[in-house]
Amino acid sequence: MRSRTRENLAGWLFVAPVVVILGLFLLLPILMALWVSLTGWNGQGSPFRAGVPFVGTDNYARLFTEDGLAREDFMTSIRNNLYYVAAVVPLQTALALFLALVVNKRRTFFRTAFYFPSVTSSVAISVVFLFIFSNSGAVNQLLAFLGIDGPQWFSDPRGVIQLLVGDPPAALTEHGLLGLTWWDWLSGPSVAMCAIIVLVVWTTSGTFMLMFLAALQNIPRTLDEAATIDGATRAQRFWRVTLPMLKPAMFLVLTLGLIGTWQVFDQIYVMSQGDPAKTTLTPAFLSYRTAFRDFDYGAGTAISFVLFLIIVLLTLFQRWVMRERKA
């Protein structure tokens, strides 16, 4: 027992510096931010002084139960982010897997070329995309060459579904949920959000390509050769042999992609600031704007904690969906 106690004590002594550092710079700031979310702090002085009003869960109630601009903006940001997640996560995962399959037996040049957008500054790429998707940019000029009148990418607040079907039916505009009409929820992402989606898929797929590539190179070649001898086609080998072996990598890519899409900020900040008409507003940018522009740090911090809870719940749900099931 004394020997085991000494081993445990030695182990704790070795990890103590890391525990102290994580406690001071990770856990303590989280607890401090949680306190701020329960106050009406306006950024003046310390949030822990006696004069800061304590509002309890009012900041959270304003986001879900109280009619007003705060709930409308928050639900608008949630709607926008849902469309963003629904488009980005499948597209970047599929593109990353396709690129990994392409470069699996190719030379290093292609791997570097496909990965290069992921290591380039997202701010710089966002500025370039602003020029590309401007009203007189390369995209609209290409569409004009094809006889298509291109949209005003960062000026038109209409959703893509509204652009396709026209004016909404009255039944969807008279009723709604959580401060937004049903048409607000169902009208689709704006063309500005679509441009941001294209940007993000292009810049993030290279990183996930490397993850899939590492997993592909760990698959024994004998499995593919055995399936070939058994008469399996290339498509059958992919669906029945390769894809099941990539399940751990797939879970990692989907998890990181899901977390990243709910934290999108820099592209929104550079390209749109939430415009046009708040159709590119996201919870992360709304949290920043509420705290650092409107000086309502309590509400801004509350938004960030709700966003944290959304990410955790969706990650747990994804883990449950992709868990190993007994036969």
C-alpha atoms as a PDB file:
ATOM      1  CA  MET A   1       0.000   0.000   0.000  1.00  0.00           C
ATOM      2  CA  ARG A   2       2.837   2.391   0.789  1.00  0.00           C
ATOM      3  CA  SER A   3       4.428   1.671  -2.578  1.00  0.00           C
ATOM      4  CA  ARG A   4       1.146   2.338  -4.407  1.00  0.00           C
ATOM      5  CA  THR A   5       0.599   5.543  -2.400  1.00  0.00           C
ATOM      6  CA  ARG A   6       4.064   6.761  -3.319  1.00  0.00           C
ATOM      7  CA  GLU A   7       3.396   5.955  -6.994  1.00  0.00           C
ATOM      8  CA  ASN A   8       0.104   7.872  -6.901  1.00  0.00           C
ATOM      9  CA  LEU A   9       1.760  10.815  -5.182  1.00  0.00           C
ATOM     10  CA  ALA A  10       4.568  10.834  -7.737  1.00  0.00           C
ATOM     11  CA  GLY A  11       2.036  10.722 -10.562  1.00  0.00           C
ATOM     12  CA  TRP A  12       0.090  13.687  -9.174  1.00  0.00           C
ATOM     13  CA  LEU A  13       3.324  15.633  -8.690  1.00  0.00           C
ATOM     14  CA  PHE A  14       4.215  15.091 -12.342  1.00  0.00           C
ATOM     15  CA  VAL A  15       0.812  16.233 -13.621  1.00  0.00           C
ATOM     16  CA  ALA A  16       0.383  19.017 -11.054  1.00  0.00           C
ATOM     17  CA  PRO A  17       1.902  21.756 -13.288  1.00  0.00           C
ATOM     18  CA  VAL A  18      -0.481  20.926 -16.133  1.00  0.00           C
ATOM     19  CA  VAL A  19      -3.455  20.721 -13.755  1.00  0.00           C
ATOM     20  CA  VAL A  20      -2.584  24.126 -12.286  1.00  0.00           C
ATOM     21  CA  ILE A  21      -2.124  25.710 -15.714  1.00  0.00           C
ATOM     22  CA  LEU A  22      -5.404  24.272 -17.051  1.00  0.00           C
ATOM     23  CA  GLY A  23      -7.198  25.333 -13.887  1.00  0.00           C
ATOM     24  CA  LEU A  24      -5.910  28.904 -14.051  1.00  0.00           C
ATOM     25  CA  PHE A  25      -6.221  29.503 -17.786  1.00  0.00           C
ATOM     26  CA  LEU A  26      -9.159  27.233 -18.752  1.00  0.00           C
ATOM     27  CA  LEU A  27     -11.441  26.238 -15.890  1.00  0.00           C
ATOM     28  CA  LEU A  28     -11.257  29.497 -13.917  1.00  0.00           C
ATOM     29  CA  PRO A  29     -12.079  31.730 -16.940  1.00  0.00           C
ATOM     30  CA  ILE A  30     -15.039  29.482 -17.766  1.00  0.00           C
ATOM     31  CA  LEU A  31     -16.389  29.849 -14.224  1.00  0.00           C
ATOM     32  CA  MET A  32     -15.809  33.608 -14.340  1.00  0.00           C
ATOM     33  CA  ALA A  33     -17.662  33.819 -17.667  1.00  0.00           C
ATOM     34  CA  LEU A  34     -20.528  31.780 -16.211  1.00  0.00           C
ATOM     35  CA  TRP A  35     -20.837  34.345 -13.438  1.00  0.00           C
ATOM     36  CA  VAL A  36     -20.824  37.192 -15.968  1.00  0.00           C
ATOM     37  CA  SER A  37     -23.705  35.525 -17.837  1.00  0.00           C
ATOM     38  CA  LEU A  38     -25.774  35.835 -14.658  1.00  0.00           C
ATOM     39  CA  THR A  39     -25.146  39.568 -14.296  1.00  0.00           C
ATOM     40  CA  GLY A  40     -25.929  42.803 -16.107  1.00  0.00           C
ATOM     41  CA  TRP A  41     -22.272  43.811 -16.415  1.00  0.00           C
ATOM     42  CA  ASN A  42     -21.664  46.522 -19.036  1.00  0.00           C
ATOM     43  CA  GLY A  43     -17.890  46.146 -19.262  1.00  0.00           C
ATOM     44  CA  GLN A  44     -17.078  49.002 -16.896  1.00  0.00           C
ATOM     45  CA  GLY A  45     -14.765  48.036 -14.049  1.00  0.00           C
ATOM     46  CA  SER A  46     -14.660  44.537 -12.626  1.00  0.00           C
ATOM     47  CA  PRO A  47     -17.615  42.175 -13.067  1.00  0.00           C
ATOM     48  CA  PHE A  48     -17.030  40.931  -9.514  1.00  0.00           C
ATOM     49  CA  ARG A  49     -17.417  44.246  -7.694  1.00  0.00           C
ATOM     50  CA  ALA A  50     -20.382  44.869  -5.426  1.00  0.00           C
ATOM     51  CA  GLY A  51     -22.184  47.293  -7.750  1.00  0.00           C
ATOM     52  CA  VAL A  52     -22.687  44.876 -10.656  1.00  0.00           C
ATOM     53  CA  PRO A  53     -26.402  43.913 -10.845  1.00  0.00           C
ATOM     54  CA  PHE A  54     -27.158  40.217 -10.490  1.00  0.00           C
ATOM     55  CA  VAL A  55     -29.964  39.239 -12.898  1.00  0.00           C
ATOM     56  CA  GLY A  56     -29.890  35.452 -12.512  1.00  0.00           C
ATOM     57  CA  THR A  57     -31.255  33.639 -15.557  1.00  0.00           C
ATOM     58  CA  ASP A  58     -32.819  36.752 -17.112  1.00  0.00           C
ATOM     59  CA  ASN A  59     -30.180  36.856 -19.849  1.00  0.00           C
ATOM     60  CA  TYR A  60     -31.102  33.294 -20.814  1.00  0.00           C
ATOM     61  CA  ALA A  61     -34.845  33.959 -20.567  1.00  0.00           C
ATOM     62  CA  ARG A  62     -34.499  36.857 -23.017  1.00  0.00           C
ATOM     63  CA  LEU A  63     -33.154  34.417 -25.587  1.00  0.00           C
ATOM     64  CA  PHE A  64     -35.969  31.867 -25.356  1.00  0.00           C
ATOM     65  CA  THR A  65     -39.096  33.050 -23.583  1.00  0.00           C
ATOM     66  CA  GLU A  66     -39.348  36.848 -23.777  1.00  0.00           C
ATOM     67  CA  ASP A  67     -40.636  38.528 -26.921  1.00  0.00           C
ATOM     68  CA  GLY A  68     -38.236  41.141 -28.180  1.00  0.00           C
ATOM     69  CA  LEU A  69     -35.262  41.920 -30.354  1.00  0.00           C
ATOM     70  CA  ALA A  70     -32.897  39.766 -28.293  1.00  0.00           C
ATOM     71  CA  ARG A  71     -34.878  36.568 -28.942  1.00  0.00           C
ATOM     72  CA  GLU A  72     -35.531  37.467 -32.571  1.00  0.00           C
ATOM     73  CA  ASP A  73     -31.821  38.031 -33.241  1.00  0.00           C
ATOM     74  CA  PHE A  74     -30.800  34.878 -31.402  1.00  0.00           C
ATOM     75  CA  MET A  75     -33.317  32.676 -33.198  1.00  0.00           C
ATOM     76  CA  THR A  76     -32.337  34.252 -36.516  1.00  0.00           C
ATOM     77  CA  SER A  77     -28.717  33.356 -35.803  1.00  0.00           C
ATOM     78  CA  ILE A  78     -29.721  29.792 -34.887  1.00  0.00           C
ATOM     79  CA  ARG A  79     -31.703  29.474 -38.127  1.00  0.00           C
ATOM     80  CA  ASN A  80     -28.777  30.763 -40.177  1.00  0.00           C
ATOM     81  CA  ASN A  81     -26.342  28.426 -38.442  1.00  0.00           C
ATOM     82  CA  LEU A  82     -28.616  25.424 -38.948  1.00  0.00           C
ATOM     83  CA  TYR A  83     -28.595  26.030 -42.703  1.00  0.00           C
ATOM     84  CA  TYR A  84     -24.845  26.580 -42.550  1.00  0.00           C
ATOM     85  CA  VAL A  85     -24.223  23.313 -40.656  1.00  0.00           C
ATOM     86  CA  ALA A  86     -26.586  21.335 -42.894  1.00  0.00           C
ATOM     87  CA  ALA A  87     -24.638  22.441 -45.975  1.00  0.00           C
ATOM     88  CA  VAL A  88     -21.037  22.658 -44.791  1.00  0.00           C
ATOM     89  CA  VAL A  89     -20.642  19.432 -42.790  1.00  0.00           C
ATOM     90  CA  PRO A  90     -21.821  17.005 -45.531  1.00  0.00           C
ATOM     91  CA  LEU A  91     -20.101  18.922 -48.330  1.00  0.00           C
ATOM     92  CA  GLN A  92     -16.733  19.298 -46.636  1.00  0.00           C
ATOM     93  CA  THR A  93     -16.793  15.667 -45.469  1.00  0.00           C
ATOM     94  CA  ALA A  94     -17.628  14.329 -48.929  1.00  0.00           C
ATOM     95  CA  LEU A  95     -15.073  16.581 -50.628  1.00  0.00           C
ATOM     96  CA  ALA A  96     -12.373  15.684 -48.095  1.00  0.00           C
ATOM     97  CA  LEU A  97     -13.001  11.960 -48.580  1.00  0.00           C
ATOM     98  CA  PHE A  98     -12.963  12.349 -52.366  1.00  0.00           C
ATOM     99  CA  LEU A  99      -9.678  14.273 -52.274  1.00  0.00           C
ATOM    100  CA  ALA A 100      -8.152  11.683 -49.934  1.00  0.00           C
ATOM    101  CA  LEU A 101      -9.091   8.911 -52.354  1.00  0.00           C
ATOM    102  CA  VAL A 102      -7.610  10.909 -55.241  1.00  0.00           C
ATOM    103  CA  VAL A 103      -4.255  11.628 -53.571  1.00  0.00           C
ATOM    104  CA  ASN A 104      -3.940   8.275 -51.790  1.00  0.00           C
ATOM    105  CA  LYS A 105      -1.752   6.927 -54.601  1.00  0.00           C
ATOM    106  CA  ARG A 106      -0.650  10.238 -56.102  1.00  0.00           C
ATOM    107  CA  ARG A 107       2.490  12.282 -55.632  1.00  0.00           C
ATOM    108  CA  THR A 108       3.088  14.840 -52.891  1.00  0.00           C
ATOM    109  CA  PHE A 109       2.358  17.818 -55.183  1.00  0.00           C
ATOM    110  CA  PHE A 110      -1.373  17.121 -55.256  1.00  0.00           C
ATOM    111  CA  ARG A 111      -1.518  16.649 -51.498  1.00  0.00           C
ATOM    112  CA  THR A 112       0.170  20.010 -51.007  1.00  0.00           C
ATOM    113  CA  ALA A 113      -2.054  21.713 -53.580  1.00  0.00           C
ATOM    114  CA  PHE A 114      -5.278  20.447 -52.004  1.00  0.00           C
ATOM    115  CA  TYR A 115      -4.078  21.257 -48.480  1.00  0.00           C
ATOM    116  CA  PHE A 116      -2.797  24.753 -49.293  1.00  0.00           C
ATOM    117  CA  PRO A 117      -6.153  26.598 -48.808  1.00  0.00           C
ATOM    118  CA  SER A 118      -6.356  25.212 -45.255  1.00  0.00           C
ATOM    119  CA  VAL A 119      -3.101  26.876 -44.181  1.00  0.00           C
ATOM    120  CA  THR A 120      -3.830  30.202 -45.869  1.00  0.00           C
ATOM    121  CA  SER A 121      -5.172  33.052 -43.733  1.00  0.00           C
ATOM    122  CA  SER A 122      -8.950  32.838 -43.564  1.00  0.00           C
ATOM    123  CA  VAL A 123      -9.137  36.641 -43.430  1.00  0.00           C
ATOM    124  CA  ALA A 124      -7.117  36.998 -46.631  1.00  0.00           C
ATOM    125  CA  ILE A 125      -9.214  34.376 -48.431  1.00  0.00           C
ATOM    126  CA  SER A 126     -12.416  36.038 -47.202  1.00  0.00           C
ATOM    127  CA  VAL A 127     -11.318  39.365 -48.701  1.00  0.00           C
ATOM    128  CA  VAL A 128     -10.539  37.661 -52.008  1.00  0.00           C
ATOM    129  CA  PHE A 129     -13.953  35.990 -52.028  1.00  0.00           C
ATOM    130  CA  LEU A 130     -15.580  39.382 -51.435  1.00  0.00           C
ATOM    131  CA  PHE A 131     -14.121  40.541 -54.755  1.00  0.00           C
ATOM    132  CA  ILE A 132     -15.034  37.295 -56.496  1.00  0.00           C
ATOM    133  CA  PHE A 133     -18.672  37.447 -55.335  1.00  0.00           C
ATOM    134  CA  SER A 134     -19.157  41.196 -55.755  1.00  0.00           C
ATOM    135  CA  ASN A 135     -21.886  42.421 -58.102  1.00  0.00           C
ATOM    136  CA  SER A 136     -19.316  42.872 -60.874  1.00  0.00           C
ATOM    137  CA  GLY A 137     -17.030  40.065 -59.740  1.00  0.00           C
ATOM    138  CA  ALA A 138     -15.789  36.965 -61.501  1.00  0.00           C
ATOM    139  CA  VAL A 139     -18.752  34.784 -60.512  1.00  0.00           C
ATOM    140  CA  ASN A 140     -21.378  37.163 -61.899  1.00  0.00           C
ATOM    141  CA  GLN A 141     -19.328  37.734 -65.044  1.00  0.00           C
ATOM    142  CA  LEU A 142     -19.140  33.990 -65.589  1.00  0.00           C
ATOM    143  CA  LEU A 143     -22.890  33.676 -65.048  1.00  0.00           C
ATOM    144  CA  ALA A 144     -23.482  36.554 -67.482  1.00  0.00           C
ATOM    145  CA  PHE A 145     -21.362  34.752 -70.066  1.00  0.00           C
ATOM    146  CA  LEU A 146     -23.700  31.772 -69.654  1.00  0.00           C
ATOM    147  CA  GLY A 147     -26.744  34.021 -70.058  1.00  0.00           C
ATOM    148  CA  ILE A 148     -27.669  34.040 -66.349  1.00  0.00           C
ATOM    149  CA  ASP A 149     -28.347  37.221 -64.412  1.00  0.00           C
ATOM    150  CA  GLY A 150     -26.254  36.782 -61.264  1.00  0.00           C
ATOM    151  CA  PRO A 151     -27.628  37.788 -57.848  1.00  0.00           C
ATOM    152  CA  GLN A 152     -26.469  40.651 -55.668  1.00  0.00           C
ATOM    153  CA  TRP A 153     -24.581  38.331 -53.378  1.00  0.00           C
ATOM    154  CA  PHE A 154     -24.186  40.499 -50.297  1.00  0.00           C
ATOM    155  CA  SER A 155     -27.186  42.779 -50.807  1.00  0.00           C
ATOM    156  CA  ASP A 156     -30.116  40.400 -51.351  1.00  0.00           C
ATOM    157  CA  PRO A 157     -31.622  39.133 -48.056  1.00  0.00           C
ATOM    158  CA  ARG A 158     -33.996  36.640 -49.666  1.00  0.00           C
ATOM    159  CA  GLY A 159     -33.447  32.954 -49.071  1.00  0.00           C
ATOM    160  CA  VAL A 160     -32.638  30.635 -51.945  1.00  0.00           C
ATOM    161  CA  ILE A 161     -35.973  28.829 -51.552  1.00  0.00           C
ATOM    162  CA  GLN A 162     -37.763  32.169 -51.749  1.00  0.00           C
ATOM    163  CA  LEU A 163     -35.787  33.031 -54.884  1.00  0.00           C
ATOM    164  CA  LEU A 164     -36.967  29.775 -56.457  1.00  0.00           C
ATOM    165  CA  VAL A 165     -40.634  29.735 -55.426  1.00  0.00           C
ATOM    166  CA  GLY A 166     -41.413  33.447 -55.194  1.00  0.00           C
ATOM    167  CA  ASP A 167     -43.671  35.043 -52.598  1.00  0.00           C
ATOM    168  CA  PRO A 168     -44.433  32.884 -49.546  1.00  0.00           C
ATOM    169  CA  PRO A 169     -47.906  31.510 -48.826  1.00  0.00           C
ATOM    170  CA  ALA A 170     -49.851  33.482 -46.259  1.00  0.00           C
ATOM    171  CA  ALA A 171     -50.199  30.486 -43.945  1.00  0.00           C
ATOM    172  CA  LEU A 172     -46.443  30.437 -43.372  1.00  0.00           C
ATOM    173  CA  THR A 173     -46.160  34.144 -42.618  1.00  0.00           C
ATOM    174  CA  GLU A 174     -48.999  34.450 -40.113  1.00  0.00           C
ATOM    175  CA  HIS A 175     -47.750  31.916 -37.581  1.00  0.00           C
ATOM    176  CA  GLY A 176     -44.350  30.890 -36.330  1.00  0.00           C
ATOM    177  CA  LEU A 177     -42.108  29.562 -33.605  1.00  0.00           C
ATOM    178  CA  LEU A 178     -39.857  31.302 -31.070  1.00  0.00           C
ATOM    179  CA  GLY A 179     -40.299  34.777 -32.490  1.00  0.00           C
ATOM    180  CA  LEU A 180     -39.875  33.858 -36.179  1.00  0.00           C
ATOM    181  CA  THR A 181     -42.546  32.974 -38.719  1.00  0.00           C
ATOM    182  CA  TRP A 182     -42.546  29.533 -40.317  1.00  0.00           C
ATOM    183  CA  TRP A 183     -41.445  31.157 -43.552  1.00  0.00           C
ATOM    184  CA  ASP A 184     -38.452  32.707 -41.782  1.00  0.00           C
ATOM    185  CA  TRP A 185     -37.416  29.202 -40.724  1.00  0.00           C
ATOM    186  CA  LEU A 186     -38.053  27.594 -44.129  1.00  0.00           C
ATOM    187  CA  SER A 187     -37.011  30.224 -46.686  1.00  0.00           C
ATOM    188  CA  GLY A 188     -33.477  28.834 -46.949  1.00  0.00           C
ATOM    189  CA  PRO A 189     -30.075  30.481 -46.587  1.00  0.00           C
ATOM    190  CA  SER A 190     -29.415  33.753 -48.363  1.00  0.00           C
ATOM    191  CA  VAL A 191     -27.081  33.887 -51.345  1.00  0.00           C
ATOM    192  CA  ALA A 192     -24.569  35.663 -49.093  1.00  0.00           C
ATOM    193  CA  MET A 193     -24.572  32.657 -46.754  1.00  0.00           C
ATOM    194  CA  CYS A 194     -24.182  30.369 -49.782  1.00  0.00           C
ATOM    195  CA  ALA A 195     -21.051  32.294 -50.794  1.00  0.00           C
ATOM    196  CA  ILE A 196     -19.654  31.870 -47.283  1.00  0.00           C
ATOM    197  CA  ILE A 197     -20.510  28.158 -47.392  1.00  0.00           C
ATOM    198  CA  VAL A 198     -18.522  27.767 -50.618  1.00  0.00           C
ATOM    199  CA  LEU A 199     -15.581  29.573 -49.036  1.00  0.00           C
ATOM    200  CA  VAL A 200     -15.580  27.465 -45.876  1.00  0.00           C
ATOM    201  CA  VAL A 201     -15.939  24.133 -47.700  1.00  0.00           C
ATOM    202  CA  TRP A 202     -13.021  25.043 -49.955  1.00  0.00           C
ATOM    203  CA  THR A 203     -10.743  26.120 -47.090  1.00  0.00           C
ATOM    204  CA  THR A 204     -11.487  23.330 -44.600  1.00  0.00           C
ATOM    205  CA  SER A 205     -11.614  20.244 -46.789  1.00  0.00           C
ATOM    206  CA  GLY A 206      -7.819  20.038 -47.038  1.00  0.00           C
ATOM    207  CA  THR A 207      -7.388  19.508 -43.308  1.00  0.00           C
ATOM    208  CA  PHE A 208      -9.974  16.747 -43.193  1.00  0.00           C
ATOM    209  CA  MET A 209      -8.449  15.244 -46.337  1.00  0.00           C
ATOM    210  CA  LEU A 210      -5.264  14.564 -44.352  1.00  0.00           C
ATOM    211  CA  MET A 211      -7.258  12.756 -41.665  1.00  0.00           C
ATOM    212  CA  PHE A 212      -8.946  10.531 -44.221  1.00  0.00           C
ATOM    213  CA  LEU A 213      -5.628  10.011 -46.000  1.00  0.00           C
ATOM    214  CA  ALA A 214      -3.954   8.805 -42.818  1.00  0.00           C
ATOM    215  CA  ALA A 215      -6.848   6.392 -42.218  1.00  0.00           C
ATOM    216  CA  LEU A 216      -6.728   5.120 -45.813  1.00  0.00           C
ATOM    217  CA  GLN A 217      -3.024   4.357 -45.555  1.00  0.00           C
ATOM    218  CA  ASN A 218      -3.655   2.296 -42.423  1.00  0.00           C
ATOM    219  CA  ILE A 219      -6.093  -0.036 -44.190  1.00  0.00           C
ATOM    220  CA  PRO A 220      -4.316  -3.320 -45.011  1.00  0.00           C
ATOM    221  CA  ARG A 221      -3.988  -3.802 -48.752  1.00  0.00           C
ATOM    222  CA  THR A 222      -4.735  -7.489 -48.292  1.00  0.00           C
ATOM    223  CA  LEU A 223      -8.381  -6.654 -47.553  1.00  0.00           C
ATOM    224  CA  ASP A 224      -8.808  -4.886 -50.884  1.00  0.00           C
ATOM    225  CA  GLU A 225      -6.935  -7.633 -52.702  1.00  0.00           C
ATOM    226  CA  ALA A 226      -9.090 -10.328 -51.088  1.00  0.00           C
ATOM    227  CA  ALA A 227     -12.269  -8.483 -52.106  1.00  0.00           C
ATOM    228  CA  THR A 228     -10.920  -8.169 -55.653  1.00  0.00           C
ATOM    229  CA  ILE A 229     -10.222 -11.908 -55.810  1.00  0.00           C
ATOM    230  CA  ASP A 230     -13.772 -12.559 -54.605  1.00  0.00           C
ATOM    231  CA  GLY A 231     -15.067 -10.606 -57.588  1.00  0.00           C
ATOM    232  CA  ALA A 232     -16.075  -7.343 -55.873  1.00  0.00           C
ATOM    233  CA  THR A 233     -16.257  -4.281 -58.110  1.00  0.00           C
ATOM    234  CA  ARG A 234     -14.504  -1.024 -57.245  1.00  0.00           C
ATOM    235  CA  ALA A 235     -17.738   0.470 -55.926  1.00  0.00           C
ATOM    236  CA  GLN A 236     -18.444  -2.622 -53.836  1.00  0.00           C
ATOM    237  CA  ARG A 237     -14.917  -2.557 -52.402  1.00  0.00           C
ATOM    238  CA  PHE A 238     -15.380   1.080 -51.441  1.00  0.00           C
ATOM    239  CA  TRP A 239     -18.767   0.647 -49.758  1.00  0.00           C
ATOM    240  CA  ARG A 240     -18.153  -2.765 -48.170  1.00  0.00           C
ATOM    241  CA  VAL A 241     -14.430  -2.614 -47.306  1.00  0.00           C
ATOM    242  CA  THR A 242     -12.959   0.882 -47.383  1.00  0.00           C
ATOM    243  CA  LEU A 243     -15.803   2.956 -45.905  1.00  0.00           C
ATOM    244  CA  PRO A 244     -16.405   0.701 -42.847  1.00  0.00           C
ATOM    245  CA  MET A 245     -12.678   0.836 -42.083  1.00  0.00           C
ATOM    246  CA  LEU A 246     -12.847   4.646 -42.153  1.00  0.00           C
ATOM    247  CA  LYS A 247     -15.544   4.857 -39.478  1.00  0.00           C
ATOM    248  CA  PRO A 248     -13.226   6.195 -36.694  1.00  0.00           C
ATOM    249  CA  ALA A 249     -11.827   8.829 -39.052  1.00  0.00           C
ATOM    250  CA  MET A 250     -15.343   9.654 -40.241  1.00  0.00           C
ATOM    251  CA  PHE A 251     -16.477  10.193 -36.656  1.00  0.00           C
ATOM    252  CA  LEU A 252     -13.510  12.506 -36.017  1.00  0.00           C
ATOM    253  CA  VAL A 253     -14.106  14.526 -39.178  1.00  0.00           C
ATOM    254  CA  LEU A 254     -17.835  14.894 -38.508  1.00  0.00           C
ATOM    255  CA  THR A 255     -17.249  15.873 -34.889  1.00  0.00           C
ATOM    256  CA  LEU A 256     -14.619  18.491 -35.693  1.00  0.00           C
ATOM    257  CA  GLY A 257     -16.694  19.746 -38.613  1.00  0.00           C
ATOM    258  CA  LEU A 258     -19.793  20.071 -36.454  1.00  0.00           C
ATOM    259  CA  ILE A 259     -17.927  21.970 -33.746  1.00  0.00           C
ATOM    260  CA  GLY A 260     -16.214  24.234 -36.260  1.00  0.00           C
ATOM    261  CA  THR A 261     -19.411  25.143 -38.082  1.00  0.00           C
ATOM    262  CA  TRP A 262     -21.118  26.244 -34.887  1.00  0.00           C
ATOM    263  CA  GLN A 263     -18.104  28.418 -34.021  1.00  0.00           C
ATOM    264  CA  VAL A 264     -17.860  30.224 -37.375  1.00  0.00           C
ATOM    265  CA  PHE A 265     -16.867  33.833 -36.813  1.00  0.00           C
ATOM    266  CA  ASP A 266     -13.962  35.229 -38.822  1.00  0.00           C
ATOM    267  CA  GLN A 267     -15.562  34.757 -42.253  1.00  0.00           C
ATOM    268  CA  ILE A 268     -18.767  36.410 -41.008  1.00  0.00           C
ATOM    269  CA  TYR A 269     -16.810  39.264 -39.445  1.00  0.00           C
ATOM    270  CA  VAL A 270     -14.813  39.985 -42.592  1.00  0.00           C
ATOM    271  CA  MET A 271     -17.383  39.341 -45.304  1.00  0.00           C
ATOM    272  CA  SER A 272     -20.794  40.415 -44.049  1.00  0.00           C
ATOM    273  CA  GLN A 273     -20.988  41.498 -40.382  1.00  0.00           C
ATOM    274  CA  GLY A 274     -24.272  39.561 -40.276  1.00  0.00           C
ATOM    275  CA  ASP A 275     -25.806  41.400 -43.256  1.00  0.00           C
ATOM    276  CA  PRO A 276     -27.817  41.528 -45.465  1.00  0.00           C
ATOM    277  CA  ALA A 277     -30.756  41.884 -43.081  1.00  0.00           C
ATOM    278  CA  LYS A 278     -29.123  39.535 -40.527  1.00  0.00           C
ATOM    279  CA  THR A 279     -29.211  36.577 -42.930  1.00  0.00           C
ATOM    280  CA  THR A 280     -25.563  35.727 -42.170  1.00  0.00           C
ATOM    281  CA  LEU A 281     -25.790  36.399 -38.452  1.00  0.00           C
ATOM    282  CA  THR A 282     -24.462  33.448 -36.417  1.00  0.00           C
ATOM    283  CA  PRO A 283     -24.527  32.802 -32.643  1.00  0.00           C
ATOM    284  CA  ALA A 284     -20.753  33.290 -32.339  1.00  0.00           C
ATOM    285  CA  PHE A 285     -20.855  36.654 -34.117  1.00  0.00           C
ATOM    286  CA  LEU A 286     -24.012  37.659 -32.231  1.00  0.00           C
ATOM    287  CA  SER A 287     -22.241  36.919 -28.944  1.00  0.00           C
ATOM    288  CA  TYR A 288     -19.341  39.142 -29.997  1.00  0.00           C
ATOM    289  CA  ARG A 289     -21.622  41.936 -31.210  1.00  0.00           C
ATOM    290  CA  THR A 290     -23.790  41.878 -28.102  1.00  0.00           C
ATOM    291  CA  ALA A 291     -20.831  41.991 -25.728  1.00  0.00           C
ATOM    292  CA  PHE A 292     -18.268  44.181 -27.483  1.00  0.00           C
ATOM    293  CA  ARG A 293     -20.494  46.510 -29.517  1.00  0.00           C
ATOM    294  CA  ASP A 294     -23.666  46.762 -27.448  1.00  0.00           C
ATOM    295  CA  PHE A 295     -21.705  46.475 -24.166  1.00  0.00           C
ATOM    296  CA  ASP A 296     -24.155  43.907 -22.816  1.00  0.00           C
ATOM    297  CA  TYR A 297     -21.571  41.417 -21.625  1.00  0.00           C
ATOM    298  CA  GLY A 298     -24.033  39.368 -19.591  1.00  0.00           C
ATOM    299  CA  ALA A 299     -26.262  38.642 -22.581  1.00  0.00           C
ATOM    300  CA  GLY A 300     -23.277  38.070 -24.871  1.00  0.00           C
ATOM    301  CA  THR A 301     -21.782  35.546 -22.467  1.00  0.00           C
ATOM    302  CA  ALA A 302     -25.157  33.834 -22.073  1.00  0.00           C
ATOM    303  CA  ILE A 303     -25.290  33.349 -25.853  1.00  0.00           C
ATOM    304  CA  SER A 304     -21.834  31.750 -25.789  1.00  0.00           C
ATOM    305  CA  PHE A 305     -22.882  29.289 -23.070  1.00  0.00           C
ATOM    306  CA  VAL A 306     -26.049  28.348 -24.969  1.00  0.00           C
ATOM    307  CA  LEU A 307     -23.848  27.787 -28.017  1.00  0.00           C
ATOM    308  CA  PHE A 308     -21.546  25.599 -25.923  1.00  0.00           C
ATOM    309  CA  LEU A 309     -24.525  23.518 -24.777  1.00  0.00           C
ATOM    310  CA  ILE A 310     -25.759  23.125 -28.373  1.00  0.00           C
ATOM    311  CA  ILE A 311     -22.338  21.866 -29.479  1.00  0.00           C
ATOM    312  CA  VAL A 312     -22.117  19.371 -26.610  1.00  0.00           C
ATOM    313  CA  LEU A 313     -25.617  17.988 -27.209  1.00  0.00           C
ATOM    314  CA  LEU A 314     -25.113  17.633 -30.953  1.00  0.00           C
ATOM    315  CA  THR A 315     -21.744  15.939 -30.437  1.00  0.00           C
ATOM    316  CA  LEU A 316     -23.270  13.459 -27.989  1.00  0.00           C
ATOM    317  CA  PHE A 317     -26.128  12.800 -30.416  1.00  0.00           C
ATOM    318  CA  GLN A 318     -23.672  12.213 -33.232  1.00  0.00           C
ATOM    319  CA  ARG A 319     -21.686   9.832 -31.050  1.00  0.00           C
ATOM    320  CA  TRP A 320     -24.878   7.928 -30.220  1.00  0.00           C
ATOM    321  CA  VAL A 321     -25.831   7.672 -33.905  1.00  0.00           C
ATOM    322  CA  MET A 322     -22.382   6.406 -34.931  1.00  0.00           C
ATOM    323  CA  ARG A 323     -21.857   4.049 -31.976  1.00  0.00           C
ATOM    324  CA  GLU A 324     -21.002   0.428 -32.508  1.00  0.00           C
ATOM    325  CA  ARG A 325     -24.154  -1.653 -32.474  1.00  0.00           C
ATOM    326  CA  LYS A 326     -24.158  -5.287 -31.411  1.00  0.00           C
ATOM    327  CA  ALA A 327     -25.460  -7.702 -33.990  1.00  0.00           C
END
